[in-house]
Protein backbone atom coordinates (compact mmCIF):
# COMPACT_ATOMS: atom_id res chain seq x y z
CA MET A 1 -265.61 172.35 -133.15
CA TYR A 2 -267.16 168.97 -133.85
CA GLY A 3 -265.35 168.31 -137.10
CA CYS A 4 -266.08 169.37 -140.62
CA ALA A 5 -267.80 166.23 -141.85
CA VAL A 6 -271.49 166.68 -142.61
CA PRO A 7 -273.71 163.80 -141.46
CA ASP A 8 -275.48 161.81 -144.16
CA LYS A 9 -278.92 163.33 -144.92
CA GLU A 10 -280.74 160.00 -144.69
CA THR A 11 -279.12 159.25 -141.33
CA ILE A 12 -280.28 162.63 -140.04
CA ARG A 13 -283.82 162.08 -141.38
CA GLN A 14 -284.01 158.66 -139.73
CA ASN A 15 -282.60 159.98 -136.44
CA VAL A 16 -285.20 162.77 -136.41
CA ARG A 17 -288.01 160.25 -137.01
CA ASP A 18 -286.63 157.89 -134.36
CA ALA A 19 -286.30 160.74 -131.85
CA PHE A 20 -289.93 161.80 -132.23
CA GLU A 21 -291.70 158.55 -133.06
CA ARG A 22 -289.76 156.07 -130.93
CA PHE A 23 -287.88 157.98 -128.21
CA MET A 24 -290.37 160.77 -127.43
CA THR A 25 -293.62 158.94 -128.26
CA ARG A 26 -292.97 155.34 -127.28
CA GLY A 27 -290.40 155.99 -124.55
CA GLU A 28 -287.64 153.85 -126.07
CA ALA A 29 -285.04 155.35 -123.72
CA GLU A 30 -282.32 152.96 -124.91
CA LEU A 31 -282.13 155.00 -128.14
CA ALA A 32 -280.84 158.08 -126.30
CA GLU A 33 -277.13 157.31 -126.73
CA ARG A 34 -277.57 156.76 -130.48
CA LEU A 35 -279.71 159.87 -131.02
CA TYR A 36 -278.23 162.51 -128.67
CA HIS A 37 -274.65 163.71 -128.39
CA PRO A 38 -273.16 164.01 -124.85
CA ASP A 39 -272.89 167.79 -125.47
CA TYR A 40 -276.56 168.04 -126.55
CA LEU A 41 -278.31 171.28 -125.56
CA ASN A 42 -282.08 171.72 -125.73
CA HIS A 43 -282.61 175.49 -125.84
CA GLU A 44 -286.35 174.99 -125.08
CA ALA A 45 -286.07 172.88 -121.91
CA ASP A 46 -285.80 173.98 -118.30
CA PRO A 47 -282.18 173.98 -117.09
CA GLU A 48 -282.49 170.68 -115.20
CA ARG A 49 -283.58 168.94 -118.44
CA SER A 50 -281.61 170.86 -121.05
CA SER A 51 -278.20 169.20 -121.25
CA GLY A 52 -276.76 165.95 -122.46
CA ILE A 53 -278.23 162.53 -123.00
CA GLU A 54 -279.80 162.44 -119.53
CA GLY A 55 -281.44 165.81 -120.19
CA ALA A 56 -283.03 164.41 -123.36
CA ARG A 57 -284.30 161.41 -121.40
CA ALA A 58 -285.67 163.63 -118.61
CA THR A 59 -287.49 165.87 -121.11
CA ALA A 60 -289.14 162.89 -122.83
CA GLU A 61 -290.23 161.40 -119.49
CA TRP A 62 -291.53 164.75 -118.25
CA LEU A 63 -293.57 165.35 -121.42
CA ARG A 64 -295.09 161.87 -121.22
CA SER A 65 -296.05 162.60 -117.57
CA CYS A 66 -297.75 165.90 -118.52
CA PHE A 67 -299.52 164.60 -121.61
CA GLY A 68 -301.30 161.24 -121.76
CA ASP A 69 -301.02 159.23 -124.94
CA VAL A 70 -298.59 161.84 -126.25
CA SER A 71 -297.46 161.22 -129.80
CA TYR A 72 -295.49 163.03 -132.45
CA GLU A 73 -296.30 162.53 -136.11
CA VAL A 74 -293.39 163.61 -138.27
CA GLU A 75 -294.92 165.14 -141.36
CA ARG A 76 -291.77 166.44 -143.03
CA VAL A 77 -288.04 166.60 -142.41
CA ILE A 78 -285.86 169.02 -144.36
CA VAL A 79 -282.09 168.62 -144.06
CA GLU A 80 -279.44 171.15 -145.03
CA ASP A 81 -275.82 170.60 -144.05
CA ASP A 82 -275.80 169.81 -140.30
CA MET A 83 -279.33 171.15 -139.64
CA ALA A 84 -282.75 169.56 -139.85
CA ALA A 85 -286.18 171.16 -139.67
CA ALA A 86 -288.97 168.80 -138.64
CA TYR A 87 -292.63 169.72 -139.11
CA VAL A 88 -294.59 167.60 -136.65
CA THR A 89 -298.03 167.23 -135.09
CA MET A 90 -298.05 166.65 -131.34
CA ARG A 91 -301.17 164.95 -129.93
CA GLY A 92 -302.18 163.93 -126.46
CA THR A 93 -304.36 164.73 -123.47
CA HIS A 94 -303.59 167.15 -120.67
CA GLU A 95 -302.69 165.17 -117.53
CA GLY A 96 -301.39 168.00 -115.32
CA GLY A 97 -297.92 169.21 -114.46
CA LEU A 98 -297.92 171.92 -117.09
CA PRO A 99 -298.35 174.64 -116.13
CA PRO A 100 -297.12 173.64 -112.65
CA GLY A 101 -299.91 173.30 -110.11
CA ILE A 102 -302.74 173.24 -112.66
CA PRO A 103 -304.88 170.10 -112.37
CA ALA A 104 -305.36 167.77 -115.33
CA THR A 105 -308.22 168.56 -117.69
CA HIS A 106 -307.93 165.22 -119.55
CA LYS A 107 -308.92 167.07 -122.73
CA PRO A 108 -307.29 166.13 -126.03
CA PHE A 109 -305.19 168.42 -128.19
CA ALA A 110 -303.36 168.33 -131.52
CA VAL A 111 -300.90 171.10 -132.39
CA LYS A 112 -298.23 171.76 -135.00
CA HIS A 113 -294.56 172.30 -134.18
CA VAL A 114 -291.40 173.08 -136.09
CA HIS A 115 -288.25 171.69 -134.49
CA LEU A 116 -284.79 172.80 -135.58
CA ILE A 117 -281.99 170.39 -134.75
CA ARG A 118 -278.26 170.76 -135.33
CA PHE A 119 -276.29 167.53 -135.64
CA ALA A 120 -272.73 166.59 -134.76
CA ASP A 121 -270.63 164.93 -137.47
CA ASP A 122 -271.50 161.50 -135.99
CA GLY A 123 -275.21 162.06 -136.76
CA ARG A 124 -276.34 162.67 -133.17
CA ALA A 125 -278.40 165.71 -132.16
CA LEU A 126 -276.25 168.49 -130.75
CA GLU A 127 -278.69 171.41 -130.37
CA HIS A 128 -282.49 171.81 -130.44
CA TRP A 129 -284.84 174.78 -130.85
CA ALA A 130 -288.62 174.71 -131.40
CA VAL A 131 -291.51 176.84 -132.56
CA ARG A 132 -294.61 175.41 -130.87
CA ASP A 133 -298.28 176.28 -130.75
CA ASP A 134 -298.47 176.45 -126.95
CA LEU A 135 -301.48 178.79 -127.09
CA GLY A 136 -303.39 176.33 -129.27
CA LEU A 137 -302.50 173.51 -126.90
CA ALA A 138 -303.66 175.53 -123.88
CA MET A 139 -307.00 176.39 -125.51
CA GLN A 140 -307.67 172.85 -126.79
CA ALA A 141 -306.70 171.30 -123.44
CA GLY A 142 -309.11 173.60 -121.59
CA LEU A 143 -306.39 175.59 -119.83
CA LEU A 144 -307.59 178.83 -121.44
CA PRO A 145 -310.99 179.75 -122.80
CA ALA A 146 -311.50 179.63 -126.55
CA PRO A 147 -311.63 183.08 -128.16
CA PRO A 148 -315.08 184.66 -128.54
CA GLY A 149 -316.88 183.40 -131.62
CA ALA A 150 -314.81 180.21 -131.92
CA ALA A 151 -316.79 177.11 -132.75
CA ASP A 152 -316.90 174.50 -129.99
CA GLY A 153 -313.86 172.22 -130.06
CA ASP A 154 -312.13 173.49 -133.20
CA GLY A 155 -310.08 176.30 -131.58
CA ALA A 156 -310.42 178.44 -134.72
């Protein structure tokens, strides 16, 4: 195992904020070694981007290539033992690449996510899971039609 020490809650909170606001949003790739453990596993990423520090970097780069002006606003971080739950808003514009082969719509979106992150005893992310509003993103970005009766642009 990775030891029995529990990382400091404030360190975990700050690392979650830095991962979303600096690493994922602003592309500060030099933070990867501080934020992600070498044994990191992203359960949501494709296999070529799911493992280790380089996998975290590849995922961040890939997301920034698919979504222009992508940003993550961390609204709340809850920490219990070695786990954190982050409630975030992801914003951006669709620039292609996701789904593969679909051209860019350049339409904006803003969706809510919950990210669950397990931390090693040194405070670095060890595992990641997410609950995302991919359907909302697809509708807002113009990849799927809005449901009948929905008001223009609000997706509701």
